[in-house]
Protein backbone atom coordinates (compact mmCIF):
# COMPACT_ATOMS: atom_id res chain seq x y z
CA MET A 1 -10.62 -75.00 9.44
CA LYS A 2 -7.30 -73.69 10.85
CA ARG A 3 -6.63 -71.54 7.81
CA THR A 4 -9.40 -69.14 8.82
CA VAL A 5 -7.07 -68.07 11.63
CA ILE A 6 -4.55 -66.92 9.03
CA ALA A 7 -7.23 -64.95 7.20
CA ALA A 8 -8.18 -63.16 10.41
CA SER A 9 -4.51 -62.43 11.11
CA LEU A 10 -4.03 -60.97 7.65
CA LEU A 11 -7.03 -58.68 7.95
CA ALA A 12 -5.87 -57.58 11.38
CA ALA A 13 -2.42 -56.84 9.97
CA VAL A 14 -3.93 -54.67 7.26
CA ALA A 15 -5.80 -52.66 9.89
CA LEU A 16 -2.87 -52.32 12.30
CA CYS A 17 0.05 -51.84 9.94
CA ALA A 18 0.00 -48.04 10.27
CA GLY A 19 2.62 -48.40 12.98
CA SER A 20 4.94 -50.59 10.89
CA ALA A 21 8.39 -49.31 10.01
CA ALA A 22 8.64 -47.49 6.70
CA ALA A 23 10.22 -49.41 3.85
CA GLU A 24 13.10 -48.29 1.65
CA ALA A 25 13.66 -44.62 2.50
CA GLY A 26 13.77 -42.24 -0.41
CA PHE A 27 12.71 -44.51 -3.27
CA ARG A 28 9.49 -43.57 -5.09
CA PRO A 29 8.27 -45.68 -8.01
CA LYS A 30 7.79 -43.83 -11.29
CA ILE A 31 4.88 -45.54 -13.04
CA LYS A 32 5.06 -45.57 -16.83
CA HIS A 33 3.00 -47.26 -19.54
CA ALA A 34 3.90 -49.27 -22.63
CA GLU A 35 1.41 -49.80 -25.44
CA VAL A 36 1.50 -53.46 -26.52
CA ASN A 37 -0.98 -55.77 -28.25
CA GLY A 38 -3.89 -53.36 -27.89
CA VAL A 39 -3.43 -52.75 -24.15
CA SER A 40 -1.47 -50.34 -21.99
CA LEU A 41 0.82 -52.12 -19.52
CA ALA A 42 1.81 -50.21 -16.39
CA TYR A 43 5.35 -50.77 -15.13
CA TYR A 44 8.16 -49.32 -13.06
CA MET A 45 11.84 -50.07 -12.47
CA ARG A 46 14.07 -50.21 -9.43
CA GLY A 47 17.55 -51.45 -8.52
CA HIS A 48 20.90 -51.74 -10.27
CA GLY A 49 22.42 -54.31 -12.60
CA LYS A 50 21.23 -56.49 -15.45
CA PRO A 51 17.46 -56.27 -16.13
CA LEU A 52 15.22 -58.81 -14.39
CA LEU A 53 11.61 -58.84 -15.63
CA MET A 54 9.23 -60.07 -12.91
CA ILE A 55 5.91 -61.63 -13.96
CA ASN A 56 3.31 -61.87 -11.22
CA GLY A 57 0.46 -64.34 -10.78
CA PHE A 58 -3.29 -64.72 -10.50
CA MET A 59 -5.04 -61.47 -9.48
CA SER A 60 -1.65 -60.02 -8.50
CA SER A 61 -0.47 -56.53 -9.37
CA MET A 62 3.09 -55.19 -9.30
CA SER A 63 2.39 -54.07 -5.71
CA LEU A 64 2.06 -57.66 -4.52
CA TRP A 65 5.77 -58.46 -4.49
CA ASP A 66 7.16 -58.65 -0.96
CA PRO A 67 9.31 -55.53 -0.38
CA ALA A 68 11.90 -57.66 1.45
CA LEU A 69 12.37 -59.81 -1.65
CA LEU A 70 12.63 -56.76 -3.91
CA THR A 71 15.20 -55.15 -1.61
CA ALA A 72 17.31 -58.30 -1.76
CA LEU A 73 17.05 -58.71 -5.54
CA GLU A 74 17.59 -55.08 -6.50
CA LYS A 75 21.14 -55.15 -5.12
CA HIS A 76 22.28 -57.00 -8.25
CA HIS A 77 19.43 -56.54 -10.73
CA THR A 78 17.38 -53.77 -12.29
CA LEU A 79 13.87 -55.02 -11.59
CA ILE A 80 11.10 -54.40 -14.10
CA LEU A 81 7.74 -54.85 -12.39
CA PHE A 82 4.49 -54.60 -14.33
CA ASP A 83 0.77 -55.32 -14.23
CA ASN A 84 -0.57 -58.00 -16.55
CA ARG A 85 -3.44 -56.92 -18.82
CA GLY A 86 -6.55 -55.91 -16.87
CA VAL A 87 -4.73 -55.85 -13.53
CA GLY A 88 -4.07 -52.79 -11.40
CA LEU A 89 -3.02 -49.86 -13.58
CA SER A 90 -2.93 -51.79 -16.87
CA THR A 91 -5.82 -51.74 -19.33
CA ASP A 92 -7.52 -54.60 -21.18
CA THR A 93 -9.42 -55.10 -24.41
CA VAL A 94 -13.21 -55.24 -24.54
CA GLU A 95 -12.91 -58.72 -26.02
CA ASN A 96 -11.66 -61.48 -23.75
CA ASN A 97 -8.21 -62.17 -25.20
CA THR A 98 -6.78 -63.27 -21.86
CA THR A 99 -4.90 -66.54 -22.23
CA ILE A 100 -1.56 -67.67 -20.88
CA PRO A 101 0.02 -67.54 -24.38
CA GLN A 102 -1.44 -64.05 -24.93
CA MET A 103 0.05 -62.78 -21.68
CA ALA A 104 3.39 -64.32 -22.71
CA ASP A 105 3.11 -62.36 -25.96
CA ASP A 106 2.42 -59.23 -23.87
CA ALA A 107 5.58 -59.85 -21.83
CA ALA A 108 7.64 -60.32 -25.00
CA ALA A 109 6.19 -57.13 -26.46
CA LEU A 110 6.97 -55.24 -23.25
CA ILE A 111 10.59 -56.42 -23.45
CA GLY A 112 10.69 -55.09 -27.00
CA ALA A 113 8.97 -51.82 -26.17
CA LEU A 114 11.45 -51.11 -23.36
CA LYS A 115 14.35 -52.15 -25.60
CA LEU A 116 15.63 -54.59 -23.00
CA ASP A 117 18.58 -56.66 -24.22
CA LYS A 118 17.70 -60.26 -23.38
CA PRO A 119 16.71 -59.70 -19.75
CA ASP A 120 16.48 -62.47 -17.20
CA VAL A 121 12.91 -63.34 -16.16
CA LEU A 122 11.52 -64.34 -12.76
CA ALA A 123 7.94 -65.62 -12.96
CA TRP A 124 5.72 -66.66 -10.04
CA SER A 125 2.53 -68.76 -9.87
CA MET A 126 0.32 -68.01 -12.88
CA GLY A 127 3.24 -65.87 -13.95
CA ALA A 128 5.33 -69.05 -14.08
CA ARG A 129 2.85 -70.43 -16.60
CA ILE A 130 3.33 -67.22 -18.58
CA GLY A 131 7.09 -67.63 -18.18
CA GLN A 132 7.03 -71.13 -19.65
CA GLN A 133 5.12 -69.87 -22.66
CA LEU A 134 7.48 -66.92 -23.00
CA ALA A 135 10.46 -69.29 -23.24
CA ILE A 136 8.57 -71.52 -25.69
CA ARG A 137 7.07 -68.81 -27.93
CA HIS A 138 9.77 -66.12 -27.70
CA PRO A 139 13.09 -67.76 -26.77
CA GLU A 140 15.05 -64.99 -28.46
CA VAL A 141 13.91 -62.25 -26.05
CA LEU A 142 15.21 -63.61 -22.73
CA ASN A 143 18.46 -64.83 -21.22
CA LYS A 144 17.66 -67.01 -18.18
CA LEU A 145 14.35 -67.96 -16.58
CA VAL A 146 13.43 -68.58 -12.93
CA LEU A 147 10.10 -70.40 -12.53
CA VAL A 148 8.51 -70.09 -9.09
CA SER A 149 5.57 -72.27 -7.97
CA ALA A 150 4.98 -73.45 -11.51
CA ASP A 151 2.49 -75.83 -13.17
CA PRO A 152 3.10 -77.68 -16.48
CA GLY A 153 -0.57 -77.68 -17.50
CA GLY A 154 -2.78 -80.28 -19.09
CA THR A 155 -3.02 -83.82 -17.77
CA HIS A 156 0.55 -83.93 -16.49
CA ASN A 157 0.25 -81.57 -13.53
CA ASP A 158 -0.09 -82.41 -9.85
CA PRO A 159 -3.23 -80.37 -9.10
CA ALA A 160 -4.48 -78.61 -6.02
CA THR A 161 -7.48 -80.08 -4.23
CA LYS A 162 -10.94 -79.03 -5.38
CA GLU A 163 -11.46 -77.23 -2.07
CA VAL A 164 -8.35 -75.09 -2.58
CA GLU A 165 -9.20 -74.30 -6.20
CA MET A 166 -12.77 -73.30 -5.33
CA GLU A 167 -11.59 -70.85 -2.68
CA LEU A 168 -8.77 -69.50 -4.82
CA ASN A 169 -10.92 -68.96 -7.92
CA ASN A 170 -14.04 -67.55 -6.24
CA PRO A 171 -14.25 -63.90 -7.42
CA ASN A 172 -16.37 -63.03 -4.39
CA VAL A 173 -13.64 -63.95 -1.89
CA GLU A 174 -11.55 -60.95 -0.84
CA LYS A 175 -7.96 -60.94 -2.12
CA TRP A 176 -6.44 -60.64 1.34
CA LYS A 177 -8.36 -63.74 2.42
CA LYS A 178 -6.96 -65.66 -0.55
CA LEU A 179 -3.44 -64.82 0.54
CA TYR A 180 -3.58 -67.22 3.50
CA LEU A 181 -3.69 -70.15 1.05
CA THR A 182 -0.18 -69.28 -0.04
CA TYR A 183 1.40 -69.96 3.37
CA PRO A 184 1.65 -73.19 5.41
CA ASP A 185 -1.11 -73.92 7.91
CA SER A 186 1.24 -73.68 10.88
CA ASP A 187 2.38 -71.17 13.48
CA ALA A 188 5.41 -70.33 11.33
CA GLY A 189 3.23 -69.98 8.24
CA ARG A 190 0.73 -67.71 9.96
CA ALA A 191 3.53 -65.54 11.34
CA ALA A 192 5.17 -65.29 7.90
CA ALA A 193 1.87 -64.33 6.27
CA LYS A 194 1.24 -61.61 8.84
CA THR A 195 4.76 -60.25 8.43
CA THR A 196 4.47 -60.15 4.64
CA VAL A 197 1.24 -58.15 4.80
CA GLU A 198 2.82 -55.73 7.27
CA ARG A 199 5.76 -55.19 4.92
CA LEU A 200 3.45 -54.65 1.94
CA GLU A 201 1.25 -52.15 3.72
CA ALA A 202 4.21 -50.31 5.23
CA ALA A 203 5.81 -49.97 1.79
CA VAL A 204 2.62 -48.56 0.28
CA LYS A 205 2.17 -46.20 3.23
CA SER A 206 5.74 -44.93 2.86
CA GLY A 207 5.30 -44.49 -0.89
CA SER A 208 8.12 -46.89 -1.81
CA MET A 209 5.63 -49.15 -3.59
CA PRO A 210 2.59 -48.10 -5.66
CA ASP A 211 -0.89 -48.36 -4.18
CA ASP A 212 -1.92 -50.66 -7.01
CA PHE A 213 -4.05 -53.54 -5.76
CA ALA A 214 -7.24 -53.22 -7.79
CA VAL A 215 -8.40 -56.23 -9.80
CA SER A 216 -11.92 -56.23 -11.19
CA LYS A 217 -14.24 -59.22 -11.01
CA GLU A 218 -14.15 -59.36 -14.83
CA THR A 219 -10.35 -59.65 -14.83
CA THR A 220 -10.52 -62.29 -12.11
CA LEU A 221 -12.93 -64.35 -14.20
CA ARG A 222 -10.79 -63.92 -17.32
CA GLN A 223 -7.61 -64.96 -15.53
CA ASP A 224 -9.39 -67.88 -13.88
CA ARG A 225 -10.48 -69.16 -17.28
CA ALA A 226 -6.96 -68.70 -18.64
CA ARG A 227 -5.15 -70.44 -15.78
CA THR A 228 -7.61 -73.30 -15.23
CA THR A 229 -10.04 -74.12 -18.05
CA LEU A 230 -7.69 -73.31 -20.92
CA TRP A 231 -4.39 -74.21 -19.26
CA GLU A 232 -5.61 -77.57 -18.06
CA GLY A 233 -7.55 -78.26 -21.25
CA ASN A 234 -4.64 -79.52 -23.33
CA ASP A 235 -1.06 -80.77 -23.08
CA ALA A 236 0.46 -78.27 -25.52
CA ASN A 237 2.63 -76.54 -22.92
CA TYR A 238 3.92 -79.77 -21.38
CA ASP A 239 4.63 -81.22 -24.82
CA ALA A 240 6.67 -78.14 -25.79
CA LEU A 241 8.80 -77.93 -22.63
CA HIS A 242 11.50 -80.10 -24.18
CA THR A 243 12.07 -77.40 -26.84
CA ILE A 244 13.21 -74.82 -24.27
CA THR A 245 16.88 -73.99 -24.66
CA THR A 246 16.87 -71.09 -22.20
CA PRO A 247 18.67 -71.93 -18.93
CA VAL A 248 15.89 -72.52 -16.38
CA LEU A 249 15.76 -72.73 -12.58
CA VAL A 250 12.54 -74.36 -11.34
CA THR A 251 11.74 -73.59 -7.69
CA ALA A 252 8.99 -74.71 -5.32
CA GLY A 253 7.78 -74.47 -1.74
CA LYS A 254 7.84 -77.73 0.18
CA ASP A 255 4.34 -77.10 1.58
CA ASP A 256 2.66 -75.56 -1.48
CA ILE A 257 -1.01 -76.62 -1.71
CA ILE A 258 -1.82 -74.49 -4.79
CA ASP A 259 0.87 -75.78 -7.15
CA PRO A 260 2.31 -78.74 -5.22
CA PRO A 261 6.12 -79.17 -5.38
CA LYS A 262 5.81 -82.32 -7.48
CA ASN A 263 5.17 -79.97 -10.40
CA ALA A 264 8.72 -78.62 -10.21
CA GLU A 265 10.05 -82.15 -10.72
CA ILE A 266 7.66 -82.71 -13.64
CA ILE A 267 8.66 -79.48 -15.39
CA ALA A 268 12.38 -79.84 -14.77
CA GLY A 269 12.23 -83.38 -16.10
CA GLN A 270 11.02 -82.04 -19.44
CA ILE A 271 13.39 -79.08 -19.83
CA PRO A 272 16.94 -80.08 -20.82
CA PHE A 273 19.48 -79.34 -18.07
CA ALA A 274 17.02 -77.44 -15.85
CA TRP A 275 18.02 -76.71 -12.27
CA THR A 276 15.64 -77.31 -9.35
CA ALA A 277 15.53 -75.94 -5.81
CA TYR A 278 13.04 -76.38 -2.97
CA PHE A 279 12.45 -73.99 -0.08
CA THR A 280 10.66 -73.76 3.25
CA GLY A 281 7.13 -72.43 2.82
CA GLY A 282 4.03 -72.75 0.70
CA HIS A 283 3.04 -71.12 -2.58
CA ALA A 284 4.54 -67.82 -1.37
CA PHE A 285 7.79 -69.41 -0.19
CA LEU A 286 9.73 -66.72 -2.08
CA PHE A 287 8.41 -64.23 0.50
CA GLN A 288 8.70 -66.47 3.55
CA SER A 289 12.22 -67.61 2.58
CA TYR A 290 13.20 -64.47 0.67
CA ALA A 291 16.84 -64.41 1.84
CA ARG A 292 17.65 -67.96 0.75
CA PHE A 293 15.53 -67.67 -2.39
CA SER A 294 17.15 -64.42 -3.54
CA ALA A 295 20.60 -65.88 -2.88
CA ALA A 296 19.75 -68.88 -5.09
CA VAL A 297 18.40 -66.58 -7.81
CA ASP A 298 21.55 -64.43 -7.69
CA MET A 299 23.76 -67.50 -8.02
CA PHE A 300 21.76 -68.90 -10.94
CA LEU A 301 21.60 -65.60 -12.82
CA ALA A 302 25.27 -64.77 -12.31
CA ASP A 303 27.46 -64.75 -15.40
CA GLN A 304 29.14 -68.15 -15.16
CA ASP A 305 31.98 -67.05 -17.43
CA LYS A 306 33.29 -64.47 -15.00
């Protein structure tokens, strides 16, 4: 299978990235914690401008945002990056309370705890499922919403193949090996994946991003149940999409095999007046096409009255 070549490239990049150029000089993240819903959520802020809360996806900590994307976005936004419950530096409850709606409640509570005044929200992958629920359950806490590589849930989604889901959800498969599924199986995709890993590792080495990649097997299993068994088990999210009044931009990668781009059309068709945009790349197109993606985000989030 060609994709094994990408996995090897990623692992090689991790080993060789010591010589990569240092990321943003001078910036050092200040990790803080907010107590919400019985857990302690780790977060940090960077950038300038109106707040933009960024919700990450399956098994992904706040260190797994491409530094190039963050550098582009922080020019016009104060980014709030955090770990979902059980991920990285955030804690979890003994009981398994991990569901997509629960994590949306966590995000709403974090907005309240930080006293953010209706921030914009950018949500990727499983985070985009959380973002949908945030707009449905807590419409009063956010301004605009950018959904990235989203899935409507239930029987209305365009699913990944069983092969892809098995590899993605297997808790025994190393995280870096999973990353290759998020890029196209092509020379350009393999090069983009390698470059992203080099940027991530260089940023951690320089101290401009936290060394925050740990996700336990228990958290992986909990998130897997939340994003597959429970999310696909009913049509409640899809049925509620039409109630969203928040301005929404739905984005997708043209070659996404995890949440195929058809899902963007399905979701946007349910949300009144939603925007859509498609980009070169796979599930991680926002990293591969970070310049064009960040420009689209800036345009959508701009105050249209000015």
